[in-house]
Amino acid sequence: MGFDLTPVQVEQMACHAVQLEKWNQHVNLTAIKGPADLAHKHFLDAVAIQPYFRGKSGRWMDMGTGGGFPGLPVKLLNPGIHMVLVDASRKKIHFLKHVIRMLKIDGIEAIHGRVDALHHDPGFVGRFEGILARGVAGLDRLAGLAAPLLAQQGLLYALKSPGAREEITDDLDKNFFIQWDDYELPDGKETRSLVRLTVKQKSS
């Protein structure tokens, strides 16, 4: 995939996976179970965007993070960013806070709440260089949730299937610059799409 993981990063992701399996026995965090499926469908799927993410900095949000994907693996690969994991499920945020404590990493926090409720919080409005979202909603809905929280020239990174091209509406095309990259996971059997949307600045 064009990049290397350090032994520490591998160990950190393994710790995340072990805790996910352990908690999942009692708390419904993910329907994906077993080391092989977790590695492929969660971790590999999350880190696959790294070639498009290199060099990023500032404050990022993982919107609807669930068990921490893709935000936590992305943070582990990019320690210089500040990652905010947001989910409306309290039990998932409890889990993520536990994992963050175990990993002893700085520059990451887990927040319980709905993303649309953050639209009225000055600590969040216009404060993010980028927002990640995987499997949360259609592109139109994602863009509406993300736009108020993005800084000027901020990016929405939506991890999608190639069929999501059908989600691009005239309004999205009018209000966002849209970049689309298709890529294959290493087994060559699954294709993913990374959709990057940047808000168009209205001329005065």
N, C-alpha and C. Protein backbone atom coordinates (compact mmCIF):
# COMPACT_ATOMS: atom_id res chain seq x y z
N MET A 1 0.82 -1.22 0.00
CA MET A 1 0.00 0.00 0.00
C MET A 1 0.85 1.26 0.00
N GLY A 2 2.18 1.10 -0.01
CA GLY A 2 3.06 2.24 -0.17
C GLY A 2 3.50 2.92 1.10
N PHE A 3 3.28 2.31 2.26
CA PHE A 3 3.78 2.89 3.50
C PHE A 3 4.04 1.77 4.51
N ASP A 4 4.87 2.08 5.49
CA ASP A 4 5.26 1.08 6.49
C ASP A 4 4.62 1.41 7.83
N LEU A 5 4.31 0.36 8.59
CA LEU A 5 3.90 0.51 9.98
C LEU A 5 5.09 0.20 10.87
N THR A 6 5.28 1.01 11.89
CA THR A 6 6.34 0.72 12.86
C THR A 6 5.86 -0.39 13.80
N PRO A 7 6.79 -1.08 14.47
CA PRO A 7 6.38 -2.09 15.46
C PRO A 7 5.46 -1.51 16.54
N VAL A 8 5.69 -0.26 16.94
CA VAL A 8 4.85 0.37 17.96
C VAL A 8 3.43 0.56 17.42
N GLN A 9 3.30 1.01 16.18
CA GLN A 9 1.96 1.19 15.60
C GLN A 9 1.21 -0.13 15.48
N VAL A 10 1.93 -1.18 15.10
CA VAL A 10 1.30 -2.51 15.01
C VAL A 10 0.82 -2.95 16.39
N GLU A 11 1.66 -2.74 17.40
CA GLU A 11 1.30 -3.11 18.77
C GLU A 11 0.09 -2.31 19.25
N GLN A 12 0.04 -1.02 18.92
CA GLN A 12 -1.09 -0.18 19.34
C GLN A 12 -2.39 -0.64 18.68
N MET A 13 -2.34 -0.96 17.39
CA MET A 13 -3.54 -1.42 16.71
C MET A 13 -3.98 -2.79 17.23
N ALA A 14 -3.00 -3.63 17.55
CA ALA A 14 -3.33 -4.94 18.12
C ALA A 14 -4.02 -4.78 19.47
N CYS A 15 -3.56 -3.82 20.28
CA CYS A 15 -4.18 -3.54 21.58
C CYS A 15 -5.62 -3.08 21.38
N HIS A 16 -5.83 -2.18 20.44
CA HIS A 16 -7.18 -1.70 20.11
C HIS A 16 -8.07 -2.89 19.72
N ALA A 17 -7.55 -3.78 18.88
CA ALA A 17 -8.33 -4.93 18.41
C ALA A 17 -8.68 -5.88 19.54
N VAL A 18 -7.70 -6.15 20.41
CA VAL A 18 -7.94 -7.06 21.55
C VAL A 18 -9.04 -6.49 22.45
N GLN A 19 -8.97 -5.21 22.74
CA GLN A 19 -9.97 -4.60 23.59
C GLN A 19 -11.34 -4.57 22.92
N LEU A 20 -11.35 -4.37 21.61
CA LEU A 20 -12.61 -4.37 20.87
C LEU A 20 -13.29 -5.74 20.97
N GLU A 21 -12.51 -6.80 20.79
CA GLU A 21 -13.07 -8.16 20.91
C GLU A 21 -13.54 -8.44 22.33
N LYS A 22 -12.75 -7.99 23.30
CA LYS A 22 -13.10 -8.23 24.71
C LYS A 22 -14.39 -7.52 25.09
N TRP A 23 -14.49 -6.24 24.76
CA TRP A 23 -15.68 -5.46 25.10
C TRP A 23 -16.90 -5.93 24.31
N ASN A 24 -16.65 -6.38 23.09
CA ASN A 24 -17.76 -6.76 22.21
C ASN A 24 -18.51 -7.99 22.72
N GLN A 25 -17.91 -8.73 23.63
CA GLN A 25 -18.59 -9.89 24.22
C GLN A 25 -19.74 -9.46 25.12
N HIS A 26 -19.65 -8.22 25.63
CA HIS A 26 -20.66 -7.74 26.58
C HIS A 26 -21.40 -6.49 26.09
N VAL A 27 -20.74 -5.73 25.22
CA VAL A 27 -21.32 -4.49 24.71
C VAL A 27 -21.26 -4.54 23.18
N ASN A 28 -22.36 -4.26 22.53
CA ASN A 28 -22.41 -4.35 21.07
C ASN A 28 -21.69 -3.17 20.43
N LEU A 29 -20.42 -3.37 20.10
CA LEU A 29 -19.62 -2.31 19.48
C LEU A 29 -19.52 -2.47 17.97
N THR A 30 -19.47 -3.71 17.50
CA THR A 30 -19.35 -3.96 16.07
C THR A 30 -19.87 -5.36 15.75
N ALA A 31 -20.44 -5.50 14.56
CA ALA A 31 -20.90 -6.82 14.11
C ALA A 31 -19.76 -7.64 13.53
N ILE A 32 -18.63 -6.99 13.29
CA ILE A 32 -17.47 -7.67 12.72
C ILE A 32 -16.67 -8.30 13.86
N LYS A 33 -16.42 -9.60 13.74
CA LYS A 33 -15.76 -10.32 14.82
C LYS A 33 -14.65 -11.21 14.27
N GLY A 34 -13.68 -11.52 15.14
CA GLY A 34 -12.57 -12.37 14.75
C GLY A 34 -11.40 -11.55 14.25
N PRO A 35 -10.17 -11.95 14.60
CA PRO A 35 -8.97 -11.16 14.25
C PRO A 35 -8.84 -10.87 12.76
N ALA A 36 -9.09 -11.86 11.91
CA ALA A 36 -8.90 -11.65 10.47
C ALA A 36 -9.88 -10.62 9.92
N ASP A 37 -11.15 -10.75 10.28
CA ASP A 37 -12.14 -9.79 9.78
C ASP A 37 -11.93 -8.40 10.37
N LEU A 38 -11.55 -8.33 11.65
CA LEU A 38 -11.26 -7.02 12.25
C LEU A 38 -10.11 -6.34 11.53
N ALA A 39 -9.07 -7.13 11.25
CA ALA A 39 -7.89 -6.57 10.57
C ALA A 39 -8.26 -6.05 9.19
N HIS A 40 -9.05 -6.83 8.47
CA HIS A 40 -9.35 -6.48 7.08
C HIS A 40 -10.43 -5.42 6.97
N LYS A 41 -11.54 -5.62 7.67
CA LYS A 41 -12.71 -4.76 7.46
C LYS A 41 -12.73 -3.51 8.32
N HIS A 42 -11.88 -3.46 9.34
CA HIS A 42 -11.81 -2.25 10.16
C HIS A 42 -10.44 -1.56 10.01
N PHE A 43 -9.37 -2.24 10.41
CA PHE A 43 -8.07 -1.58 10.45
C PHE A 43 -7.51 -1.31 9.05
N LEU A 44 -7.51 -2.33 8.20
CA LEU A 44 -6.98 -2.13 6.85
C LEU A 44 -7.81 -1.12 6.08
N ASP A 45 -9.12 -1.20 6.26
CA ASP A 45 -10.02 -0.27 5.59
C ASP A 45 -9.75 1.17 6.04
N ALA A 46 -9.37 1.33 7.31
CA ALA A 46 -9.09 2.68 7.84
C ALA A 46 -7.74 3.22 7.36
N VAL A 47 -6.69 2.39 7.43
CA VAL A 47 -5.36 2.89 7.09
C VAL A 47 -5.14 3.00 5.59
N ALA A 48 -6.05 2.44 4.79
CA ALA A 48 -5.89 2.49 3.33
C ALA A 48 -5.88 3.92 2.79
N ILE A 49 -6.43 4.87 3.57
CA ILE A 49 -6.44 6.26 3.08
C ILE A 49 -5.14 6.99 3.38
N GLN A 50 -4.17 6.32 4.05
CA GLN A 50 -2.95 7.01 4.45
C GLN A 50 -2.20 7.66 3.29
N PRO A 51 -2.08 7.03 2.12
CA PRO A 51 -1.40 7.70 1.01
C PRO A 51 -2.03 9.04 0.63
N TYR A 52 -3.31 9.23 0.92
CA TYR A 52 -4.00 10.49 0.62
C TYR A 52 -4.01 11.43 1.82
N PHE A 53 -3.45 10.97 2.92
CA PHE A 53 -3.53 11.72 4.18
C PHE A 53 -2.18 12.28 4.62
N ARG A 54 -1.12 11.76 4.06
CA ARG A 54 0.23 12.16 4.49
C ARG A 54 0.39 13.68 4.49
N GLY A 55 1.06 14.17 5.52
CA GLY A 55 1.35 15.60 5.59
C GLY A 55 0.26 16.44 6.19
N LYS A 56 -0.85 15.83 6.56
CA LYS A 56 -1.95 16.58 7.15
C LYS A 56 -1.59 16.98 8.59
N SER A 57 -2.16 18.10 9.02
CA SER A 57 -1.90 18.60 10.37
C SER A 57 -3.18 19.19 10.93
N GLY A 58 -3.09 19.76 12.12
CA GLY A 58 -4.22 20.46 12.70
C GLY A 58 -5.20 19.53 13.40
N ARG A 59 -6.43 20.01 13.51
CA ARG A 59 -7.47 19.34 14.27
C ARG A 59 -8.43 18.62 13.33
N TRP A 60 -8.64 17.34 13.59
CA TRP A 60 -9.51 16.50 12.75
C TRP A 60 -10.58 15.85 13.60
N MET A 61 -11.73 15.57 12.99
CA MET A 61 -12.82 14.87 13.66
C MET A 61 -13.14 13.59 12.90
N ASP A 62 -13.42 12.52 13.66
CA ASP A 62 -14.00 11.31 13.09
C ASP A 62 -15.46 11.31 13.48
N MET A 63 -16.33 11.55 12.52
CA MET A 63 -17.75 11.73 12.75
C MET A 63 -18.47 10.37 12.73
N GLY A 64 -19.12 10.02 13.85
CA GLY A 64 -19.76 8.71 13.95
C GLY A 64 -18.74 7.61 13.98
N THR A 65 -17.77 7.73 14.89
CA THR A 65 -16.58 6.89 14.92
C THR A 65 -16.85 5.43 15.27
N GLY A 66 -17.95 5.14 15.97
CA GLY A 66 -18.24 3.75 16.33
C GLY A 66 -17.17 3.19 17.26
N GLY A 67 -16.51 2.12 16.82
CA GLY A 67 -15.44 1.51 17.60
C GLY A 67 -14.09 2.18 17.42
N GLY A 68 -14.10 3.38 16.76
CA GLY A 68 -12.85 4.12 16.58
C GLY A 68 -12.32 4.13 15.16
N PHE A 69 -13.19 3.87 14.20
CA PHE A 69 -12.73 3.76 12.80
C PHE A 69 -13.41 4.79 11.91
N PRO A 70 -12.63 5.47 11.08
CA PRO A 70 -11.20 5.28 10.86
C PRO A 70 -10.30 6.13 11.76
N GLY A 71 -10.88 6.93 12.66
CA GLY A 71 -10.12 7.97 13.34
C GLY A 71 -8.95 7.51 14.17
N LEU A 72 -9.11 6.43 14.94
CA LEU A 72 -8.03 6.01 15.82
C LEU A 72 -6.83 5.46 15.05
N PRO A 73 -7.01 4.53 14.09
CA PRO A 73 -5.85 4.12 13.30
C PRO A 73 -5.20 5.27 12.53
N VAL A 74 -6.02 6.19 11.99
CA VAL A 74 -5.46 7.35 11.28
C VAL A 74 -4.60 8.19 12.22
N LYS A 75 -5.06 8.39 13.45
CA LYS A 75 -4.28 9.13 14.44
C LYS A 75 -2.96 8.42 14.75
N LEU A 76 -3.00 7.11 14.88
CA LEU A 76 -1.78 6.36 15.20
C LEU A 76 -0.75 6.49 14.09
N LEU A 77 -1.20 6.61 12.84
CA LEU A 77 -0.28 6.77 11.72
C LEU A 77 0.18 8.22 11.54
N ASN A 78 -0.55 9.16 12.15
CA ASN A 78 -0.26 10.58 11.99
C ASN A 78 -0.26 11.25 13.36
N PRO A 79 0.76 10.97 14.19
CA PRO A 79 0.75 11.45 15.58
C PRO A 79 0.72 12.96 15.72
N GLY A 80 1.05 13.71 14.66
CA GLY A 80 1.08 15.16 14.76
C GLY A 80 -0.28 15.82 14.71
N ILE A 81 -1.32 15.09 14.29
CA ILE A 81 -2.65 15.69 14.24
C ILE A 81 -3.35 15.55 15.60
N HIS A 82 -4.37 16.38 15.81
CA HIS A 82 -5.24 16.22 16.98
C HIS A 82 -6.54 15.62 16.48
N MET A 83 -6.92 14.47 17.02
CA MET A 83 -8.10 13.76 16.55
C MET A 83 -9.20 13.80 17.60
N VAL A 84 -10.41 14.17 17.17
CA VAL A 84 -11.58 14.17 18.04
C VAL A 84 -12.54 13.10 17.53
N LEU A 85 -12.77 12.07 18.33
CA LEU A 85 -13.68 10.99 17.98
C LEU A 85 -15.06 11.31 18.54
N VAL A 86 -16.08 11.35 17.69
CA VAL A 86 -17.42 11.74 18.13
C VAL A 86 -18.41 10.63 17.79
N ASP A 87 -19.24 10.26 18.76
CA ASP A 87 -20.29 9.28 18.50
C ASP A 87 -21.46 9.53 19.44
N ALA A 88 -22.67 9.22 18.96
CA ALA A 88 -23.87 9.43 19.76
C ALA A 88 -24.11 8.30 20.76
N SER A 89 -23.32 7.22 20.66
CA SER A 89 -23.45 6.09 21.57
C SER A 89 -22.51 6.26 22.76
N ARG A 90 -23.08 6.38 23.95
CA ARG A 90 -22.26 6.57 25.15
C ARG A 90 -21.34 5.37 25.41
N LYS A 91 -21.85 4.16 25.18
CA LYS A 91 -21.05 2.97 25.46
C LYS A 91 -19.82 2.90 24.54
N LYS A 92 -19.97 3.37 23.30
CA LYS A 92 -18.83 3.36 22.39
C LYS A 92 -17.79 4.39 22.81
N ILE A 93 -18.23 5.53 23.31
CA ILE A 93 -17.30 6.55 23.79
C ILE A 93 -16.60 6.07 25.06
N HIS A 94 -17.31 5.39 25.96
CA HIS A 94 -16.66 4.80 27.14
C HIS A 94 -15.55 3.84 26.70
N PHE A 95 -15.85 3.02 25.71
CA PHE A 95 -14.85 2.08 25.19
C PHE A 95 -13.63 2.82 24.64
N LEU A 96 -13.87 3.85 23.85
CA LEU A 96 -12.76 4.58 23.23
C LEU A 96 -11.90 5.30 24.26
N LYS A 97 -12.53 5.86 25.28
CA LYS A 97 -11.75 6.50 26.34
C LYS A 97 -10.86 5.48 27.04
N HIS A 98 -11.38 4.27 27.24
CA HIS A 98 -10.60 3.20 27.83
C HIS A 98 -9.39 2.85 26.96
N VAL A 99 -9.61 2.72 25.64
CA VAL A 99 -8.51 2.38 24.73
C VAL A 99 -7.47 3.49 24.69
N ILE A 100 -7.92 4.73 24.65
CA ILE A 100 -6.98 5.87 24.63
C ILE A 100 -6.11 5.86 25.88
N ARG A 101 -6.71 5.57 27.04
CA ARG A 101 -5.92 5.47 28.28
C ARG A 101 -4.90 4.34 28.18
N MET A 102 -5.30 3.22 27.63
CA MET A 102 -4.39 2.08 27.51
C MET A 102 -3.22 2.39 26.57
N LEU A 103 -3.51 3.09 25.49
CA LEU A 103 -2.48 3.39 24.49
C LEU A 103 -1.55 4.52 24.94
N LYS A 104 -2.02 5.32 25.90
CA LYS A 104 -1.21 6.43 26.45
C LYS A 104 -0.73 7.36 25.34
N ILE A 105 -1.67 7.78 24.48
CA ILE A 105 -1.31 8.69 23.40
C ILE A 105 -1.94 10.06 23.66
N ASP A 106 -1.23 11.09 23.23
CA ASP A 106 -1.71 12.47 23.36
C ASP A 106 -2.37 12.91 22.05
N GLY A 107 -3.11 14.01 22.14
CA GLY A 107 -3.67 14.58 20.93
C GLY A 107 -4.86 13.83 20.39
N ILE A 108 -5.63 13.20 21.28
CA ILE A 108 -6.84 12.50 20.85
C ILE A 108 -7.84 12.54 21.99
N GLU A 109 -9.11 12.71 21.65
CA GLU A 109 -10.17 12.71 22.66
C GLU A 109 -11.43 12.09 22.08
N ALA A 110 -12.27 11.55 22.95
CA ALA A 110 -13.52 10.92 22.55
C ALA A 110 -14.66 11.67 23.20
N ILE A 111 -15.64 12.10 22.37
CA ILE A 111 -16.73 12.95 22.85
C ILE A 111 -18.07 12.30 22.53
N HIS A 112 -18.92 12.23 23.54
CA HIS A 112 -20.26 11.69 23.36
C HIS A 112 -21.20 12.81 22.92
N GLY A 113 -21.93 12.58 21.83
CA GLY A 113 -22.89 13.58 21.39
C GLY A 113 -23.22 13.43 19.92
N ARG A 114 -24.23 14.15 19.51
CA ARG A 114 -24.62 14.20 18.10
C ARG A 114 -23.85 15.32 17.40
N VAL A 115 -23.40 15.05 16.20
CA VAL A 115 -22.62 16.04 15.47
C VAL A 115 -23.42 17.31 15.23
N ASP A 116 -24.71 17.19 14.92
CA ASP A 116 -25.49 18.39 14.64
C ASP A 116 -25.65 19.27 15.88
N ALA A 117 -25.54 18.68 17.07
CA ALA A 117 -25.62 19.48 18.29
C ALA A 117 -24.37 20.34 18.47
N LEU A 118 -23.27 19.95 17.83
CA LEU A 118 -22.03 20.72 17.94
C LEU A 118 -22.05 21.97 17.07
N HIS A 119 -23.04 22.08 16.20
CA HIS A 119 -23.14 23.25 15.32
C HIS A 119 -23.37 24.54 16.12
N HIS A 120 -23.76 24.43 17.37
CA HIS A 120 -24.03 25.61 18.20
C HIS A 120 -22.95 25.83 19.25
N ASP A 121 -21.89 25.04 19.17
CA ASP A 121 -20.81 25.13 20.17
C ASP A 121 -19.62 25.87 19.57
N PRO A 122 -19.26 27.05 20.09
CA PRO A 122 -18.15 27.81 19.51
C PRO A 122 -16.81 27.09 19.59
N GLY A 123 -16.72 26.08 20.45
CA GLY A 123 -15.49 25.30 20.52
C GLY A 123 -15.33 24.35 19.34
N PHE A 124 -16.40 24.19 18.55
CA PHE A 124 -16.36 23.25 17.43
C PHE A 124 -16.63 23.92 16.08
N VAL A 125 -17.42 24.97 16.06
CA VAL A 125 -17.79 25.61 14.79
C VAL A 125 -16.55 26.21 14.11
N GLY A 126 -16.28 25.76 12.89
CA GLY A 126 -15.16 26.29 12.11
C GLY A 126 -13.80 25.96 12.65
N ARG A 127 -13.69 24.90 13.46
CA ARG A 127 -12.43 24.61 14.16
C ARG A 127 -11.66 23.41 13.61
N PHE A 128 -12.13 22.79 12.54
CA PHE A 128 -11.49 21.54 12.09
C PHE A 128 -10.91 21.69 10.69
N GLU A 129 -9.65 21.28 10.57
CA GLU A 129 -9.01 21.24 9.25
C GLU A 129 -9.63 20.15 8.39
N GLY A 130 -10.15 19.11 9.05
CA GLY A 130 -10.76 18.04 8.28
C GLY A 130 -11.67 17.18 9.13
N ILE A 131 -12.60 16.51 8.46
CA ILE A 131 -13.53 15.59 9.11
C ILE A 131 -13.54 14.29 8.32
N LEU A 132 -13.41 13.18 9.05
CA LEU A 132 -13.49 11.85 8.47
C LEU A 132 -14.86 11.25 8.73
N ALA A 133 -15.36 10.47 7.79
CA ALA A 133 -16.64 9.78 8.00
C ALA A 133 -16.64 8.49 7.19
N ARG A 134 -17.02 7.41 7.86
CA ARG A 134 -17.12 6.12 7.18
C ARG A 134 -18.44 5.46 7.56
N GLY A 135 -19.26 5.18 6.57
CA GLY A 135 -20.50 4.45 6.80
C GLY A 135 -21.50 5.19 7.67
N VAL A 136 -21.49 6.52 7.63
CA VAL A 136 -22.36 7.30 8.50
C VAL A 136 -23.66 7.67 7.81
N ALA A 137 -23.56 8.24 6.60
CA ALA A 137 -24.75 8.73 5.90
C ALA A 137 -24.38 8.99 4.45
N GLY A 138 -25.38 9.40 3.66
CA GLY A 138 -25.12 9.79 2.29
C GLY A 138 -24.30 11.06 2.22
N LEU A 139 -23.68 11.31 1.07
CA LEU A 139 -22.78 12.46 0.92
C LEU A 139 -23.47 13.78 1.22
N ASP A 140 -24.70 13.93 0.79
CA ASP A 140 -25.41 15.19 1.01
C ASP A 140 -25.58 15.45 2.51
N ARG A 141 -25.99 14.42 3.24
CA ARG A 141 -26.17 14.54 4.69
C ARG A 141 -24.82 14.77 5.38
N LEU A 142 -23.79 14.05 4.97
CA LEU A 142 -22.46 14.23 5.54
C LEU A 142 -21.97 15.67 5.36
N ALA A 143 -22.15 16.18 4.16
CA ALA A 143 -21.68 17.54 3.87
C ALA A 143 -22.41 18.55 4.74
N GLY A 144 -23.71 18.37 4.93
CA GLY A 144 -24.47 19.28 5.78
C GLY A 144 -24.03 19.23 7.23
N LEU A 145 -23.66 18.04 7.71
CA LEU A 145 -23.19 17.90 9.09
C LEU A 145 -21.79 18.48 9.26
N ALA A 146 -20.94 18.29 8.25
CA ALA A 146 -19.54 18.68 8.38
C ALA A 146 -19.30 20.17 8.14
N ALA A 147 -20.00 20.77 7.18
CA ALA A 147 -19.68 22.13 6.73
C ALA A 147 -19.58 23.15 7.86
N PRO A 148 -20.50 23.20 8.84
CA PRO A 148 -20.40 24.23 9.88
C PRO A 148 -19.17 24.05 10.79
N LEU A 149 -18.60 22.86 10.81
CA LEU A 149 -17.48 22.58 11.71
C LEU A 149 -16.12 22.76 11.05
N LEU A 150 -16.11 22.86 9.73
CA LEU A 150 -14.85 22.95 9.00
C LEU A 150 -14.30 24.37 8.98
N ALA A 151 -12.99 24.47 9.16
CA ALA A 151 -12.31 25.74 8.98
C ALA A 151 -12.31 26.11 7.50
N GLN A 152 -11.94 27.33 7.19
CA GLN A 152 -11.86 27.74 5.79
C GLN A 152 -10.89 26.82 5.05
N GLN A 153 -11.30 26.33 3.90
CA GLN A 153 -10.54 25.37 3.10
C GLN A 153 -10.44 24.00 3.78
N GLY A 154 -11.28 23.75 4.78
CA GLY A 154 -11.29 22.46 5.44
C GLY A 154 -11.83 21.36 4.52
N LEU A 155 -11.47 20.13 4.83
CA LEU A 155 -11.80 18.99 3.97
C LEU A 155 -12.71 18.00 4.68
N LEU A 156 -13.68 17.48 3.95
CA LEU A 156 -14.44 16.32 4.39
C LEU A 156 -13.91 15.12 3.63
N TYR A 157 -13.42 14.12 4.38
CA TYR A 157 -12.96 12.86 3.80
C TYR A 157 -14.04 11.81 4.04
N ALA A 158 -14.76 11.40 3.01
CA ALA A 158 -15.81 10.39 3.14
C ALA A 158 -15.30 9.08 2.53
N LEU A 159 -15.26 8.03 3.34
CA LEU A 159 -14.84 6.71 2.89
C LEU A 159 -16.08 5.98 2.39
N LYS A 160 -16.09 5.66 1.11
CA LYS A 160 -17.30 5.18 0.46
C LYS A 160 -17.01 3.98 -0.44
N SER A 161 -18.09 3.39 -0.94
CA SER A 161 -17.98 2.41 -2.01
C SER A 161 -18.06 3.16 -3.34
N PRO A 162 -17.53 2.57 -4.43
CA PRO A 162 -17.56 3.29 -5.72
C PRO A 162 -18.96 3.69 -6.16
N GLY A 163 -19.98 2.95 -5.72
CA GLY A 163 -21.35 3.29 -6.10
C GLY A 163 -21.84 4.61 -5.55
N ALA A 164 -21.06 5.20 -4.63
CA ALA A 164 -21.48 6.45 -4.00
C ALA A 164 -21.44 7.63 -4.98
N ARG A 165 -20.91 7.43 -6.18
CA ARG A 165 -20.97 8.50 -7.18
C ARG A 165 -22.41 8.94 -7.42
N GLU A 166 -23.32 8.02 -7.23
CA GLU A 166 -24.74 8.34 -7.43
C GLU A 166 -25.26 9.29 -6.36
N GLU A 167 -24.50 9.46 -5.26
CA GLU A 167 -24.93 10.34 -4.17
C GLU A 167 -24.60 11.81 -4.43
N ILE A 168 -23.82 12.09 -5.46
CA ILE A 168 -23.44 13.47 -5.75
C ILE A 168 -24.62 14.20 -6.39
N THR A 169 -25.12 15.19 -5.68
CA THR A 169 -26.27 15.97 -6.14
C THR A 169 -25.81 17.27 -6.79
N ASP A 170 -26.74 17.96 -7.43
CA ASP A 170 -26.42 19.25 -8.03
C ASP A 170 -25.99 20.25 -6.95
N ASP A 171 -26.63 20.20 -5.77
CA ASP A 171 -26.26 21.11 -4.68
C ASP A 171 -24.83 20.85 -4.21
N LEU A 172 -24.46 19.57 -4.09
CA LEU A 172 -23.08 19.25 -3.69
C LEU A 172 -22.10 19.79 -4.72
N ASP A 173 -22.40 19.58 -5.98
CA ASP A 173 -21.52 20.03 -7.05
C ASP A 173 -21.40 21.55 -7.07
N LYS A 174 -22.47 22.21 -6.68
CA LYS A 174 -22.50 23.68 -6.67
C LYS A 174 -21.71 24.25 -5.50
N ASN A 175 -21.77 23.57 -4.34
CA ASN A 175 -21.22 24.15 -3.12
C ASN A 175 -19.87 23.58 -2.68
N PHE A 176 -19.42 22.50 -3.32
CA PHE A 176 -18.17 21.86 -2.91
C PHE A 176 -17.29 21.54 -4.11
N PHE A 177 -15.97 21.67 -3.93
CA PHE A 177 -15.03 21.07 -4.85
C PHE A 177 -14.94 19.60 -4.47
N ILE A 178 -15.11 18.70 -5.44
CA ILE A 178 -15.18 17.27 -5.16
C ILE A 178 -14.03 16.55 -5.87
N GLN A 179 -13.23 15.82 -5.08
CA GLN A 179 -12.18 14.96 -5.61
C GLN A 179 -12.53 13.52 -5.29
N TRP A 180 -12.27 12.63 -6.23
CA TRP A 180 -12.67 11.23 -6.07
C TRP A 180 -11.49 10.33 -6.39
N ASP A 181 -11.13 9.45 -5.48
CA ASP A 181 -10.05 8.49 -5.72
C ASP A 181 -10.55 7.09 -5.40
N ASP A 182 -10.44 6.19 -6.38
CA ASP A 182 -10.73 4.77 -6.16
C ASP A 182 -9.43 4.05 -5.85
N TYR A 183 -9.48 3.10 -4.95
CA TYR A 183 -8.29 2.31 -4.61
C TYR A 183 -8.73 0.92 -4.21
N GLU A 184 -7.79 -0.03 -4.32
CA GLU A 184 -8.08 -1.41 -3.96
C GLU A 184 -7.40 -1.76 -2.65
N LEU A 185 -8.09 -2.55 -1.84
CA LEU A 185 -7.43 -3.13 -0.69
C LEU A 185 -6.44 -4.18 -1.18
N PRO A 186 -5.43 -4.52 -0.37
CA PRO A 186 -4.33 -5.36 -0.87
C PRO A 186 -4.72 -6.72 -1.43
N ASP A 187 -5.87 -7.26 -1.04
CA ASP A 187 -6.26 -8.56 -1.59
C ASP A 187 -6.74 -8.45 -3.03
N GLY A 188 -6.94 -7.21 -3.50
CA GLY A 188 -7.36 -6.99 -4.88
C GLY A 188 -8.81 -7.32 -5.17
N LYS A 189 -9.55 -7.70 -4.13
CA LYS A 189 -10.94 -8.13 -4.33
C LYS A 189 -11.95 -7.04 -4.00
N GLU A 190 -11.51 -6.02 -3.27
CA GLU A 190 -12.46 -4.99 -2.84
C GLU A 190 -11.95 -3.61 -3.24
N THR A 191 -12.84 -2.85 -3.85
CA THR A 191 -12.51 -1.48 -4.24
C THR A 191 -13.21 -0.51 -3.30
N ARG A 192 -12.49 0.53 -2.92
CA ARG A 192 -13.02 1.57 -2.06
C ARG A 192 -12.88 2.91 -2.77
N SER A 193 -13.61 3.88 -2.27
CA SER A 193 -13.51 5.23 -2.83
C SER A 193 -13.31 6.22 -1.69
N LEU A 194 -12.42 7.15 -1.89
CA LEU A 194 -12.24 8.26 -0.97
C LEU A 194 -12.76 9.51 -1.67
N VAL A 195 -13.79 10.11 -1.08
CA VAL A 195 -14.38 11.33 -1.64
C VAL A 195 -13.93 12.49 -0.77
N ARG A 196 -13.26 13.48 -1.37
CA ARG A 196 -12.80 14.65 -0.63
C ARG A 196 -13.58 15.87 -1.08
N LEU A 197 -14.24 16.50 -0.14
CA LEU A 197 -15.06 17.67 -0.45
C LEU A 197 -14.51 18.89 0.27
N THR A 198 -14.34 19.97 -0.46
CA THR A 198 -13.90 21.25 0.10
C THR A 198 -14.98 22.28 -0.20
N VAL A 199 -15.38 23.03 0.83
CA VAL A 199 -16.42 24.03 0.65
C VAL A 199 -15.95 25.12 -0.30
N LYS A 200 -16.76 25.46 -1.29
CA LYS A 200 -16.45 26.57 -2.18
C LYS A 200 -16.74 27.88 -1.45
N GLN A 201 -15.79 28.78 -1.49
CA GLN A 201 -15.99 30.08 -0.84
C GLN A 201 -16.84 30.96 -1.74
N LYS A 202 -17.90 31.51 -1.17
CA LYS A 202 -18.80 32.37 -1.95
C LYS A 202 -18.13 33.72 -2.22
N SER A 203 -18.21 34.15 -3.45
CA SER A 203 -17.61 35.43 -3.82
C SER A 203 -18.45 36.57 -3.26
N SER A 204 -17.76 37.65 -2.85
CA SER A 204 -18.47 38.79 -2.26
C SER A 204 -18.96 39.74 -3.35
